[in-house]
């Protein structure tokens, strides 16, 4: 079981996918030597006033940042389309890969990945 910080998922988190990933990480025996930071806020971000990483997994000399998207995710003509379980569609120019990448490089000091 990974050590979760915070140890519970905030009731305000509406994403069922994010809740399921939280539970999987928390309950995984394989991740017992890891610490997992959920909804990790960034006070500095390279392109935004503030940023957030859904999950940061730290352990065994590794730092793994990842973004969770539930529902349907597609990309058309350079625009990312996110459709939730209610059929609501949201469009963005920044996709999940760029989102986690800019957040990760905003968080990690330069010497970490050189």
PDB file of N, CA and C in Angstrom:
ATOM      1  N   UNK A   1       0.836  -1.188   0.000  1.00  0.00           N
ATOM      2  CA  UNK A   1       0.000   0.000   0.000  1.00  0.00           C
ATOM      3  C   UNK A   1       0.875   1.244   0.000  1.00  0.00           C
ATOM      4  N   UNK A   2       0.654   2.115  -0.961  1.00  0.00           N
ATOM      5  CA  UNK A   2       1.402   3.366  -1.016  1.00  0.00           C
ATOM      6  C   UNK A   2       0.935   4.272   0.120  1.00  0.00           C
ATOM      7  N   UNK A   3       1.847   5.044   0.652  1.00  0.00           N
ATOM      8  CA  UNK A   3       1.474   6.057   1.639  1.00  0.00           C
ATOM      9  C   UNK A   3       0.849   7.209   0.867  1.00  0.00           C
ATOM     10  N   UNK A   4      -0.401   7.518   1.158  1.00  0.00           N
ATOM     11  CA  UNK A   4      -1.128   8.551   0.437  1.00  0.00           C
ATOM     12  C   UNK A   4      -1.114   9.860   1.217  1.00  0.00           C
ATOM     13  N   UNK A   5      -0.815  10.939   0.516  1.00  0.00           N
ATOM     14  CA  UNK A   5      -0.857  12.281   1.102  1.00  0.00           C
ATOM     15  C   UNK A   5      -1.718  13.140   0.190  1.00  0.00           C
ATOM     16  N   UNK A   6      -2.873  13.603   0.667  1.00  0.00           N
ATOM     17  CA  UNK A   6      -3.493  13.292   1.946  1.00  0.00           C
ATOM     18  C   UNK A   6      -3.969  11.828   1.987  1.00  0.00           C
ATOM     19  N   UNK A   7      -4.270  11.329   3.174  1.00  0.00           N
ATOM     20  CA  UNK A   7      -4.631   9.914   3.302  1.00  0.00           C
ATOM     21  C   UNK A   7      -6.033   9.579   2.781  1.00  0.00           C
ATOM     22  N   UNK A   8      -6.772  10.566   2.371  1.00  0.00           N
ATOM     23  CA  UNK A   8      -8.124  10.357   1.858  1.00  0.00           C
ATOM     24  C   UNK A   8      -8.328  11.264   0.658  1.00  0.00           C
ATOM     25  N   UNK A   9      -9.298  10.915  -0.168  1.00  0.00           N
ATOM     26  CA  UNK A   9      -9.606  11.762  -1.324  1.00  0.00           C
ATOM     27  C   UNK A   9     -10.680  12.762  -0.913  1.00  0.00           C
ATOM     28  N   UNK A  10     -10.477  13.994  -1.283  1.00  0.00           N
ATOM     29  CA  UNK A  10     -11.398  15.063  -0.923  1.00  0.00           C
ATOM     30  C   UNK A  10     -12.782  14.772  -1.499  1.00  0.00           C
ATOM     31  N   UNK A  11     -13.829  14.933  -0.695  1.00  0.00           N
ATOM     32  CA  UNK A  11     -15.190  14.674  -1.191  1.00  0.00           C
ATOM     33  C   UNK A  11     -15.575  15.575  -2.366  1.00  0.00           C
ATOM     34  N   UNK A  12     -14.876  16.691  -2.558  1.00  0.00           N
ATOM     35  CA  UNK A  12     -15.179  17.599  -3.661  1.00  0.00           C
ATOM     36  C   UNK A  12     -14.676  17.087  -5.011  1.00  0.00           C
ATOM     37  N   UNK A  13     -13.827  16.050  -5.011  1.00  0.00           N
ATOM     38  CA  UNK A  13     -13.326  15.495  -6.271  1.00  0.00           C
ATOM     39  C   UNK A  13     -14.488  14.792  -6.966  1.00  0.00           C
ATOM     40  N   UNK A  14     -14.855  15.295  -8.123  1.00  0.00           N
ATOM     41  CA  UNK A  14     -16.010  14.769  -8.844  1.00  0.00           C
ATOM     42  C   UNK A  14     -15.651  13.633  -9.804  1.00  0.00           C
ATOM     43  N   UNK A  15     -14.394  13.523 -10.178  1.00  0.00           N
ATOM     44  CA  UNK A  15     -13.962  12.528 -11.158  1.00  0.00           C
ATOM     45  C   UNK A  15     -13.964  11.124 -10.568  1.00  0.00           C
ATOM     46  N   UNK A  16     -14.828  10.272 -11.125  1.00  0.00           N
ATOM     47  CA  UNK A  16     -14.844   8.874 -10.708  1.00  0.00           C
ATOM     48  C   UNK A  16     -13.547   8.172 -11.075  1.00  0.00           C
ATOM     49  N   UNK A  17     -12.976   8.549 -12.216  1.00  0.00           N
ATOM     50  CA  UNK A  17     -11.710   7.949 -12.650  1.00  0.00           C
ATOM     51  C   UNK A  17     -10.598   8.280 -11.661  1.00  0.00           C
ATOM     52  N   UNK A  18     -10.550   9.525 -11.217  1.00  0.00           N
ATOM     53  CA  UNK A  18      -9.524   9.930 -10.254  1.00  0.00           C
ATOM     54  C   UNK A  18      -9.714   9.209  -8.920  1.00  0.00           C
ATOM     55  N   UNK A  19     -10.956   9.003  -8.508  1.00  0.00           N
ATOM     56  CA  UNK A  19     -11.238   8.259  -7.272  1.00  0.00           C
ATOM     57  C   UNK A  19     -10.763   6.811  -7.383  1.00  0.00           C
ATOM     58  N   UNK A  20     -11.019   6.191  -8.530  1.00  0.00           N
ATOM     59  CA  UNK A  20     -10.602   4.793  -8.730  1.00  0.00           C
ATOM     60  C   UNK A  20      -9.081   4.669  -8.729  1.00  0.00           C
ATOM     61  N   UNK A  21      -8.393   5.588  -9.381  1.00  0.00           N
ATOM     62  CA  UNK A  21      -6.927   5.547  -9.400  1.00  0.00           C
ATOM     63  C   UNK A  21      -6.380   5.762  -7.993  1.00  0.00           C
ATOM     64  N   UNK A  22      -6.965   6.679  -7.236  1.00  0.00           N
ATOM     65  CA  UNK A  22      -6.553   6.899  -5.845  1.00  0.00           C
ATOM     66  C   UNK A  22      -6.631   5.590  -5.067  1.00  0.00           C
ATOM     67  N   UNK A  23      -7.751   4.890  -5.189  1.00  0.00           N
ATOM     68  CA  UNK A  23      -7.944   3.630  -4.461  1.00  0.00           C
ATOM     69  C   UNK A  23      -6.969   2.549  -4.927  1.00  0.00           C
ATOM     70  N   UNK A  24      -6.737   2.468  -6.225  1.00  0.00           N
ATOM     71  CA  UNK A  24      -5.784   1.481  -6.750  1.00  0.00           C
ATOM     72  C   UNK A  24      -4.371   1.732  -6.227  1.00  0.00           C
ATOM     73  N   UNK A  25      -3.946   2.975  -6.234  1.00  0.00           N
ATOM     74  CA  UNK A  25      -2.615   3.311  -5.724  1.00  0.00           C
ATOM     75  C   UNK A  25      -2.529   3.044  -4.225  1.00  0.00           C
ATOM     76  N   UNK A  26      -3.537   3.468  -3.501  1.00  0.00           N
ATOM     77  CA  UNK A  26      -3.562   3.294  -2.042  1.00  0.00           C
ATOM     78  C   UNK A  26      -3.510   1.825  -1.659  1.00  0.00           C
ATOM     79  N   UNK A  27      -4.203   0.971  -2.409  1.00  0.00           N
ATOM     80  CA  UNK A  27      -4.343  -0.432  -2.037  1.00  0.00           C
ATOM     81  C   UNK A  27      -3.310  -1.356  -2.674  1.00  0.00           C
ATOM     82  N   UNK A  28      -2.415  -0.826  -3.513  1.00  0.00           N
ATOM     83  CA  UNK A  28      -1.447  -1.649  -4.224  1.00  0.00           C
ATOM     84  C   UNK A  28      -0.300  -2.104  -3.321  1.00  0.00           C
ATOM     85  N   UNK A  29      -0.154  -3.410  -3.187  1.00  0.00           N
ATOM     86  CA  UNK A  29       0.956  -3.969  -2.409  1.00  0.00           C
ATOM     87  C   UNK A  29       2.296  -3.670  -3.076  1.00  0.00           C
ATOM     88  N   UNK A  30       2.310  -3.632  -4.410  1.00  0.00           N
ATOM     89  CA  UNK A  30       3.549  -3.383  -5.155  1.00  0.00           C
ATOM     90  C   UNK A  30       4.116  -1.991  -4.908  1.00  0.00           C
ATOM     91  N   UNK A  31       3.278  -1.081  -4.444  1.00  0.00           N
ATOM     92  CA  UNK A  31       3.708   0.309  -4.226  1.00  0.00           C
ATOM     93  C   UNK A  31       3.936   0.633  -2.750  1.00  0.00           C
ATOM     94  N   UNK A  32       4.155  -0.387  -1.943  1.00  0.00           N
ATOM     95  CA  UNK A  32       4.298  -0.171  -0.495  1.00  0.00           C
ATOM     96  C   UNK A  32       5.503   0.691  -0.137  1.00  0.00           C
ATOM     97  N   UNK A  33       6.499   0.768  -1.009  1.00  0.00           N
ATOM     98  CA  UNK A  33       7.678   1.593  -0.714  1.00  0.00           C
ATOM     99  C   UNK A  33       7.546   3.008  -1.303  1.00  0.00           C
ATOM    100  N   UNK A  34       6.389   3.330  -1.868  1.00  0.00           N
ATOM    101  CA  UNK A  34       6.168   4.627  -2.506  1.00  0.00           C
ATOM    102  C   UNK A  34       5.293   5.535  -1.656  1.00  0.00           C
ATOM    103  N   UNK A  35       5.472   6.822  -1.885  1.00  0.00           N
ATOM    104  CA  UNK A  35       4.576   7.834  -1.338  1.00  0.00           C
ATOM    105  C   UNK A  35       3.873   8.469  -2.520  1.00  0.00           C
ATOM    106  N   UNK A  36       2.573   8.658  -2.394  1.00  0.00           N
ATOM    107  CA  UNK A  36       1.781   9.230  -3.474  1.00  0.00           C
ATOM    108  C   UNK A  36       1.148  10.526  -2.999  1.00  0.00           C
ATOM    109  N   UNK A  37       1.422  11.596  -3.718  1.00  0.00           N
ATOM    110  CA  UNK A  37       0.824  12.902  -3.436  1.00  0.00           C
ATOM    111  C   UNK A  37      -0.351  13.082  -4.389  1.00  0.00           C
ATOM    112  N   UNK A  38      -1.533  13.287  -3.833  1.00  0.00           N
ATOM    113  CA  UNK A  38      -2.716  13.461  -4.668  1.00  0.00           C
ATOM    114  C   UNK A  38      -3.088  14.932  -4.769  1.00  0.00           C
ATOM    115  N   UNK A  39      -3.440  15.350  -5.970  1.00  0.00           N
ATOM    116  CA  UNK A  39      -3.844  16.723  -6.255  1.00  0.00           C
ATOM    117  C   UNK A  39      -2.775  17.694  -5.760  1.00  0.00           C
ATOM    118  N   UNK A  40      -1.567  17.454  -6.232  1.00  0.00           N
ATOM    119  CA  UNK A  40      -0.395  18.210  -5.789  1.00  0.00           C
ATOM    120  C   UNK A  40      -0.393  19.593  -6.423  1.00  0.00           C
ATOM    121  N   UNK A  41      -0.574  20.608  -5.591  1.00  0.00           N
ATOM    122  CA  UNK A  41      -0.622  21.987  -6.072  1.00  0.00           C
ATOM    123  C   UNK A  41       0.763  22.551  -6.339  1.00  0.00           C
ATOM    124  N   UNK A  42       0.867  23.321  -7.394  1.00  0.00           N
ATOM    125  CA  UNK A  42       2.129  23.957  -7.762  1.00  0.00           C
ATOM    126  C   UNK A  42       1.997  25.466  -7.564  1.00  0.00           C
ATOM    127  N   UNK A  43       2.857  26.021  -6.742  1.00  0.00           N
ATOM    128  CA  UNK A  43       2.818  27.472  -6.531  1.00  0.00           C
ATOM    129  C   UNK A  43       3.482  28.216  -7.680  1.00  0.00           C
ATOM    130  N   UNK A  44       4.331  27.516  -8.427  1.00  0.00           N
ATOM    131  CA  UNK A  44       4.970  28.088  -9.616  1.00  0.00           C
ATOM    132  C   UNK A  44       4.673  27.190 -10.798  1.00  0.00           C
ATOM    133  N   UNK A  45       4.350  27.812 -11.892  1.00  0.00           N
ATOM    134  CA  UNK A  45       4.088  27.055 -13.112  1.00  0.00           C
ATOM    135  C   UNK A  45       4.650  27.856 -14.268  1.00  0.00           C
ATOM    136  N   UNK A  46       5.208  27.158 -15.241  1.00  0.00           N
ATOM    137  CA  UNK A  46       5.864  27.842 -16.357  1.00  0.00           C
ATOM    138  C   UNK A  46       4.898  28.637 -17.231  1.00  0.00           C
ATOM    139  N   UNK A  47       3.615  28.239 -17.252  1.00  0.00           N
ATOM    140  CA  UNK A  47       2.671  28.936 -18.137  1.00  0.00           C
ATOM    141  C   UNK A  47       1.389  29.393 -17.475  1.00  0.00           C
ATOM    142  N   UNK A  48       1.162  28.986 -16.251  1.00  0.00           N
ATOM    143  CA  UNK A  48      -0.099  29.324 -15.588  1.00  0.00           C
ATOM    144  C   UNK A  48       0.182  29.986 -14.241  1.00  0.00           C
ATOM    145  N   UNK A  49      -0.817  30.668 -13.740  1.00  0.00           N
ATOM    146  CA  UNK A  49      -0.673  31.309 -12.424  1.00  0.00           C
ATOM    147  C   UNK A  49      -0.438  30.267 -11.338  1.00  0.00           C
ATOM    148  N   UNK A  50      -1.092  29.150 -11.474  1.00  0.00           N
ATOM    149  CA  UNK A  50      -0.888  28.021 -10.566  1.00  0.00           C
ATOM    150  C   UNK A  50      -1.148  26.745 -11.345  1.00  0.00           C
ATOM    151  N   UNK A  51      -0.673  25.656 -10.820  1.00  0.00           N
ATOM    152  CA  UNK A  51      -0.865  24.385 -11.502  1.00  0.00           C
ATOM    153  C   UNK A  51      -1.172  23.283 -10.513  1.00  0.00           C
ATOM    154  N   UNK A  52      -1.460  22.120 -11.047  1.00  0.00           N
ATOM    155  CA  UNK A  52      -1.802  20.976 -10.209  1.00  0.00           C
ATOM    156  C   UNK A  52      -1.455  19.707 -10.969  1.00  0.00           C
ATOM    157  N   UNK A  53      -0.950  18.720 -10.248  1.00  0.00           N
ATOM    158  CA  UNK A  53      -0.695  17.396 -10.801  1.00  0.00           C
ATOM    159  C   UNK A  53      -1.638  16.444 -10.079  1.00  0.00           C
ATOM    160  N   UNK A  54      -2.373  15.643 -10.829  1.00  0.00           N
ATOM    161  CA  UNK A  54      -3.327  14.731 -10.188  1.00  0.00           C
ATOM    162  C   UNK A  54      -2.624  13.797  -9.211  1.00  0.00           C
ATOM    163  N   UNK A  55      -1.538  13.160  -9.654  1.00  0.00           N
ATOM    164  CA  UNK A  55      -0.802  12.235  -8.790  1.00  0.00           C
ATOM    165  C   UNK A  55       0.691  12.373  -9.024  1.00  0.00           C
ATOM    166  N   UNK A  56       1.448  12.417  -7.930  1.00  0.00           N
ATOM    167  CA  UNK A  56       2.914  12.370  -7.984  1.00  0.00           C
ATOM    168  C   UNK A  56       3.316  11.178  -7.132  1.00  0.00           C
ATOM    169  N   UNK A  57       3.954  10.205  -7.758  1.00  0.00           N
ATOM    170  CA  UNK A  57       4.383   8.985  -7.084  1.00  0.00           C
ATOM    171  C   UNK A  57       5.889   9.067  -6.884  1.00  0.00           C
ATOM    172  N   UNK A  58       6.331   8.947  -5.631  1.00  0.00           N
ATOM    173  CA  UNK A  58       7.745   9.109  -5.285  1.00  0.00           C
ATOM    174  C   UNK A  58       8.229   7.850  -4.580  1.00  0.00           C
ATOM    175  N   UNK A  59       9.348   7.287  -5.065  1.00  0.00           N
ATOM    176  CA  UNK A  59       9.922   6.121  -4.413  1.00  0.00           C
ATOM    177  C   UNK A  59      10.934   5.431  -5.293  1.00  0.00           C
ATOM    178  N   UNK A  60      11.806   4.657  -4.658  1.00  0.00           N
ATOM    179  CA  UNK A  60      12.830   3.886  -5.372  1.00  0.00           C
ATOM    180  C   UNK A  60      13.614   4.731  -6.375  1.00  0.00           C
ATOM    181  N   UNK A  61      13.950   5.951  -5.984  1.00  0.00           N
ATOM    182  CA  UNK A  61      14.735   6.832  -6.837  1.00  0.00           C
ATOM    183  C   UNK A  61      13.976   7.404  -8.024  1.00  0.00           C
ATOM    184  N   UNK A  62      12.660   7.320  -7.987  1.00  0.00           N
ATOM    185  CA  UNK A  62      11.848   7.797  -9.111  1.00  0.00           C
ATOM    186  C   UNK A  62      10.811   8.815  -8.648  1.00  0.00           C
ATOM    187  N   UNK A  63      10.472   9.695  -9.559  1.00  0.00           N
ATOM    188  CA  UNK A  63       9.335  10.600  -9.382  1.00  0.00           C
ATOM    189  C   UNK A  63       8.494  10.465 -10.636  1.00  0.00           C
ATOM    190  N   UNK A  64       7.244  10.051 -10.454  1.00  0.00           N
ATOM    191  CA  UNK A  64       6.353   9.826 -11.584  1.00  0.00           C
ATOM    192  C   UNK A  64       5.144  10.741 -11.418  1.00  0.00           C
ATOM    193  N   UNK A  65       4.926  11.599 -12.399  1.00  0.00           N
ATOM    194  CA  UNK A  65       3.778  12.503 -12.382  1.00  0.00           C
ATOM    195  C   UNK A  65       2.773  12.008 -13.409  1.00  0.00           C
ATOM    196  N   UNK A  66       1.502  11.980 -13.030  1.00  0.00           N
ATOM    197  CA  UNK A  66       0.517  11.619 -14.033  1.00  0.00           C
ATOM    198  C   UNK A  66      -0.815  12.308 -13.831  1.00  0.00           C
ATOM    199  N   UNK A  67      -1.499  12.439 -14.936  1.00  0.00           N
ATOM    200  CA  UNK A  67      -2.778  13.118 -15.046  1.00  0.00           C
ATOM    201  C   UNK A  67      -3.827  12.059 -15.351  1.00  0.00           C
ATOM    202  N   UNK A  68      -4.980  12.158 -14.736  1.00  0.00           N
ATOM    203  CA  UNK A  68      -6.046  11.183 -14.944  1.00  0.00           C
ATOM    204  C   UNK A  68      -7.180  11.854 -15.704  1.00  0.00           C
ATOM    205  N   UNK A  69      -7.621  11.207 -16.758  1.00  0.00           N
ATOM    206  CA  UNK A  69      -8.768  11.679 -17.526  1.00  0.00           C
ATOM    207  C   UNK A  69      -9.772  10.542 -17.605  1.00  0.00           C
ATOM    208  N   UNK A  70     -10.997  10.814 -17.208  1.00  0.00           N
ATOM    209  CA  UNK A  70     -12.074   9.848 -17.333  1.00  0.00           C
ATOM    210  C   UNK A  70     -12.929  10.216 -18.534  1.00  0.00           C
ATOM    211  N   UNK A  71     -13.877   9.400 -18.852  1.00  0.00           N
ATOM    212  CA  UNK A  71     -14.738   9.700 -19.994  1.00  0.00           C
ATOM    213  C   UNK A  71     -14.026   9.443 -21.301  1.00  0.00           C
ATOM    214  N   UNK A  72     -14.373  10.213 -22.299  1.00  0.00           N
ATOM    215  CA  UNK A  72     -13.801  10.036 -23.628  1.00  0.00           C
ATOM    216  C   UNK A  72     -12.864  11.198 -23.929  1.00  0.00           C
ATOM    217  N   UNK A  73     -11.675  10.867 -24.406  1.00  0.00           N
ATOM    218  CA  UNK A  73     -10.679  11.870 -24.775  1.00  0.00           C
ATOM    219  C   UNK A  73     -10.310  11.647 -26.235  1.00  0.00           C
ATOM    220  N   UNK A  74     -10.453  12.702 -27.033  1.00  0.00           N
ATOM    221  CA  UNK A  74     -10.074  12.634 -28.438  1.00  0.00           C
ATOM    222  C   UNK A  74      -9.358  13.921 -28.831  1.00  0.00           C
ATOM    223  N   UNK A  75      -8.725  13.862 -29.990  1.00  0.00           N
ATOM    224  CA  UNK A  75      -8.046  15.046 -30.515  1.00  0.00           C
ATOM    225  C   UNK A  75      -8.385  15.174 -31.991  1.00  0.00           C
ATOM    226  N   UNK A  76      -8.792  16.382 -32.386  1.00  0.00           N
ATOM    227  CA  UNK A  76      -9.159  16.618 -33.778  1.00  0.00           C
ATOM    228  C   UNK A  76      -8.692  18.010 -34.183  1.00  0.00           C
ATOM    229  N   UNK A  77      -7.915  18.059 -35.252  1.00  0.00           N
ATOM    230  CA  UNK A  77      -7.410  19.333 -35.773  1.00  0.00           C
ATOM    231  C   UNK A  77      -6.673  20.141 -34.706  1.00  0.00           C
ATOM    232  N   UNK A  78      -5.904  19.451 -33.865  1.00  0.00           N
ATOM    233  CA  UNK A  78      -5.113  20.127 -32.835  1.00  0.00           C
ATOM    234  C   UNK A  78      -5.881  20.531 -31.593  1.00  0.00           C
ATOM    235  N   UNK A  79      -7.166  20.209 -31.529  1.00  0.00           N
ATOM    236  CA  UNK A  79      -8.000  20.541 -30.368  1.00  0.00           C
ATOM    237  C   UNK A  79      -8.344  19.252 -29.627  1.00  0.00           C
ATOM    238  N   UNK A  80      -8.140  19.283 -28.323  1.00  0.00           N
ATOM    239  CA  UNK A  80      -8.473  18.138 -27.473  1.00  0.00           C
ATOM    240  C   UNK A  80      -9.923  18.258 -27.045  1.00  0.00           C
ATOM    241  N   UNK A  81     -10.658  17.155 -27.139  1.00  0.00           N
ATOM    242  CA  UNK A  81     -12.059  17.109 -26.738  1.00  0.00           C
ATOM    243  C   UNK A  81     -12.207  16.125 -25.583  1.00  0.00           C
ATOM    244  N   UNK A  82     -12.799  16.600 -24.517  1.00  0.00           N
ATOM    245  CA  UNK A  82     -13.023  15.783 -23.326  1.00  0.00           C
ATOM    246  C   UNK A  82     -14.532  15.694 -23.108  1.00  0.00           C
ATOM    247  N   UNK A  83     -15.062  14.466 -23.107  1.00  0.00           N
ATOM    248  CA  UNK A  83     -16.491  14.274 -22.910  1.00  0.00           C
ATOM    249  C   UNK A  83     -16.705  13.486 -21.623  1.00  0.00           C
ATOM    250  N   UNK A  84     -17.484  14.052 -20.701  1.00  0.00           N
ATOM    251  CA  UNK A  84     -17.708  13.382 -19.418  1.00  0.00           C
ATOM    252  C   UNK A  84     -18.872  12.400 -19.494  1.00  0.00           C
ATOM    253  N   UNK A  85     -19.167  11.774 -18.380  1.00  0.00           N
ATOM    254  CA  UNK A  85     -20.202  10.728 -18.351  1.00  0.00           C
ATOM    255  C   UNK A  85     -21.603  11.266 -18.649  1.00  0.00           C
ATOM    256  N   UNK A  86     -21.777  12.591 -18.552  1.00  0.00           N
ATOM    257  CA  UNK A  86     -23.078  13.197 -18.820  1.00  0.00           C
ATOM    258  C   UNK A  86     -23.181  13.711 -20.255  1.00  0.00           C
ATOM    259  N   UNK A  87     -22.126  13.487 -21.049  1.00  0.00           N
ATOM    260  CA  UNK A  87     -22.126  13.948 -22.425  1.00  0.00           C
ATOM    261  C   UNK A  87     -21.659  15.390 -22.585  1.00  0.00           C
ATOM    262  N   UNK A  88     -21.293  16.032 -21.496  1.00  0.00           N
ATOM    263  CA  UNK A  88     -20.773  17.401 -21.542  1.00  0.00           C
ATOM    264  C   UNK A  88     -19.407  17.379 -22.205  1.00  0.00           C
ATOM    265  N   UNK A  89     -19.206  18.273 -23.173  1.00  0.00           N
ATOM    266  CA  UNK A  89     -17.946  18.308 -23.888  1.00  0.00           C
ATOM    267  C   UNK A  89     -17.164  19.573 -23.535  1.00  0.00           C
ATOM    268  N   UNK A  90     -15.866  19.401 -23.341  1.00  0.00           N
ATOM    269  CA  UNK A  90     -14.964  20.497 -23.020  1.00  0.00           C
ATOM    270  C   UNK A  90     -13.837  20.461 -24.045  1.00  0.00           C
ATOM    271  N   UNK A  91     -13.480  21.616 -24.590  1.00  0.00           N
ATOM    272  CA  UNK A  91     -12.419  21.679 -25.601  1.00  0.00           C
ATOM    273  C   UNK A  91     -11.237  22.454 -25.044  1.00  0.00           C
ATOM    274  N   UNK A  92     -10.033  21.960 -25.352  1.00  0.00           N
ATOM    275  CA  UNK A  92      -8.807  22.620 -24.918  1.00  0.00           C
ATOM    276  C   UNK A  92      -7.736  22.464 -25.992  1.00  0.00           C
ATOM    277  N   UNK A  93      -6.841  23.432 -26.030  1.00  0.00           N
ATOM    278  CA  UNK A  93      -5.695  23.299 -26.932  1.00  0.00           C
ATOM    279  C   UNK A  93      -4.588  22.500 -26.260  1.00  0.00           C
ATOM    280  N   UNK A  94      -4.583  22.489 -24.934  1.00  0.00           N
ATOM    281  CA  UNK A  94      -3.574  21.725 -24.188  1.00  0.00           C
ATOM    282  C   UNK A  94      -4.134  20.350 -23.840  1.00  0.00           C
ATOM    283  N   UNK A  95      -3.416  19.314 -24.241  1.00  0.00           N
ATOM    284  CA  UNK A  95      -3.844  17.956 -23.948  1.00  0.00           C
ATOM    285  C   UNK A  95      -3.256  17.459 -22.642  1.00  0.00           C
ATOM    286  N   UNK A  96      -3.629  16.258 -22.239  1.00  0.00           N
ATOM    287  CA  UNK A  96      -3.157  15.715 -20.966  1.00  0.00           C
ATOM    288  C   UNK A  96      -1.647  15.517 -20.912  1.00  0.00           C
ATOM    289  N   UNK A  97      -1.010  15.213 -22.042  1.00  0.00           N
ATOM    290  CA  UNK A  97       0.439  15.007 -22.049  1.00  0.00           C
ATOM    291  C   UNK A  97       1.173  16.322 -21.806  1.00  0.00           C
ATOM    292  N   UNK A  98       0.739  17.374 -22.488  1.00  0.00           N
ATOM    293  CA  UNK A  98       1.344  18.696 -22.269  1.00  0.00           C
ATOM    294  C   UNK A  98       1.030  19.193 -20.859  1.00  0.00           C
ATOM    295  N   UNK A  99      -0.164  18.925 -20.384  1.00  0.00           N
ATOM    296  CA  UNK A  99      -0.562  19.366 -19.039  1.00  0.00           C
ATOM    297  C   UNK A  99       0.357  18.778 -17.977  1.00  0.00           C
ATOM    298  N   UNK A 100       0.572  17.470 -18.022  1.00  0.00           N
ATOM    299  CA  UNK A 100       1.422  16.842 -17.012  1.00  0.00           C
ATOM    300  C   UNK A 100       2.886  17.199 -17.233  1.00  0.00           C
ATOM    301  N   UNK A 101       3.291  17.363 -18.480  1.00  0.00           N
ATOM    302  CA  UNK A 101       4.683  17.711 -18.768  1.00  0.00           C
ATOM    303  C   UNK A 101       5.039  19.095 -18.238  1.00  0.00           C
ATOM    304  N   UNK A 102       4.211  20.095 -18.519  1.00  0.00           N
ATOM    305  CA  UNK A 102       4.525  21.438 -18.023  1.00  0.00           C
ATOM    306  C   UNK A 102       4.449  21.487 -16.501  1.00  0.00           C
ATOM    307  N   UNK A 103       3.521  20.752 -15.923  1.00  0.00           N
ATOM    308  CA  UNK A 103       3.433  20.713 -14.457  1.00  0.00           C
ATOM    309  C   UNK A 103       4.666  20.045 -13.870  1.00  0.00           C
ATOM    310  N   UNK A 104       5.092  18.931 -14.462  1.00  0.00           N
ATOM    311  CA  UNK A 104       6.253  18.202 -13.960  1.00  0.00           C
ATOM    312  C   UNK A 104       7.503  19.079 -14.024  1.00  0.00           C
ATOM    313  N   UNK A 105       7.733  19.722 -15.167  1.00  0.00           N
ATOM    314  CA  UNK A 105       8.942  20.540 -15.297  1.00  0.00           C
ATOM    315  C   UNK A 105       8.851  21.830 -14.499  1.00  0.00           C
ATOM    316  N   UNK A 106       7.653  22.259 -14.139  1.00  0.00           N
ATOM    317  CA  UNK A 106       7.506  23.408 -13.249  1.00  0.00           C
ATOM    318  C   UNK A 106       7.849  23.017 -11.813  1.00  0.00           C
ATOM    319  N   UNK A 107       7.570  21.762 -11.468  1.00  0.00           N
ATOM    320  CA  UNK A 107       7.805  21.271 -10.109  1.00  0.00           C
ATOM    321  C   UNK A 107       9.245  20.846  -9.873  1.00  0.00           C
ATOM    322  N   UNK A 108       9.781  20.067 -10.800  1.00  0.00           N
ATOM    323  CA  UNK A 108      11.089  19.465 -10.576  1.00  0.00           C
ATOM    324  C   UNK A 108      12.211  20.468 -10.850  1.00  0.00           C
ATOM    325  N   UNK A 109      13.180  20.574  -9.952  1.00  0.00           N
ATOM    326  CA  UNK A 109      14.331  21.433 -10.241  1.00  0.00           C
ATOM    327  C   UNK A 109      15.107  20.892 -11.426  1.00  0.00           C
ATOM    328  N   UNK A 110      15.754  21.778 -12.163  1.00  0.00           N
ATOM    329  CA  UNK A 110      16.436  21.405 -13.408  1.00  0.00           C
ATOM    330  C   UNK A 110      17.437  20.273 -13.206  1.00  0.00           C
ATOM    331  N   UNK A 111      18.165  20.250 -12.082  1.00  0.00           N
ATOM    332  CA  UNK A 111      19.188  19.207 -11.895  1.00  0.00           C
ATOM    333  C   UNK A 111      18.578  17.816 -11.746  1.00  0.00           C
ATOM    334  N   UNK A 112      17.287  17.711 -11.482  1.00  0.00           N
ATOM    335  CA  UNK A 112      16.642  16.415 -11.281  1.00  0.00           C
ATOM    336  C   UNK A 112      16.622  15.610 -12.573  1.00  0.00           C
ATOM    337  N   UNK A 113      16.453  16.262 -13.698  1.00  0.00           N
ATOM    338  CA  UNK A 113      16.300  15.510 -14.943  1.00  0.00           C
ATOM    339  C   UNK A 113      17.435  15.761 -15.931  1.00  0.00           C
ATOM    340  N   UNK A 114      18.509  16.362 -15.507  1.00  0.00           N
ATOM    341  CA  UNK A 114      19.665  16.557 -16.391  1.00  0.00           C
ATOM    342  C   UNK A 114      20.594  15.366 -16.324  1.00  0.00           C
TER     343      UNK A 114
END
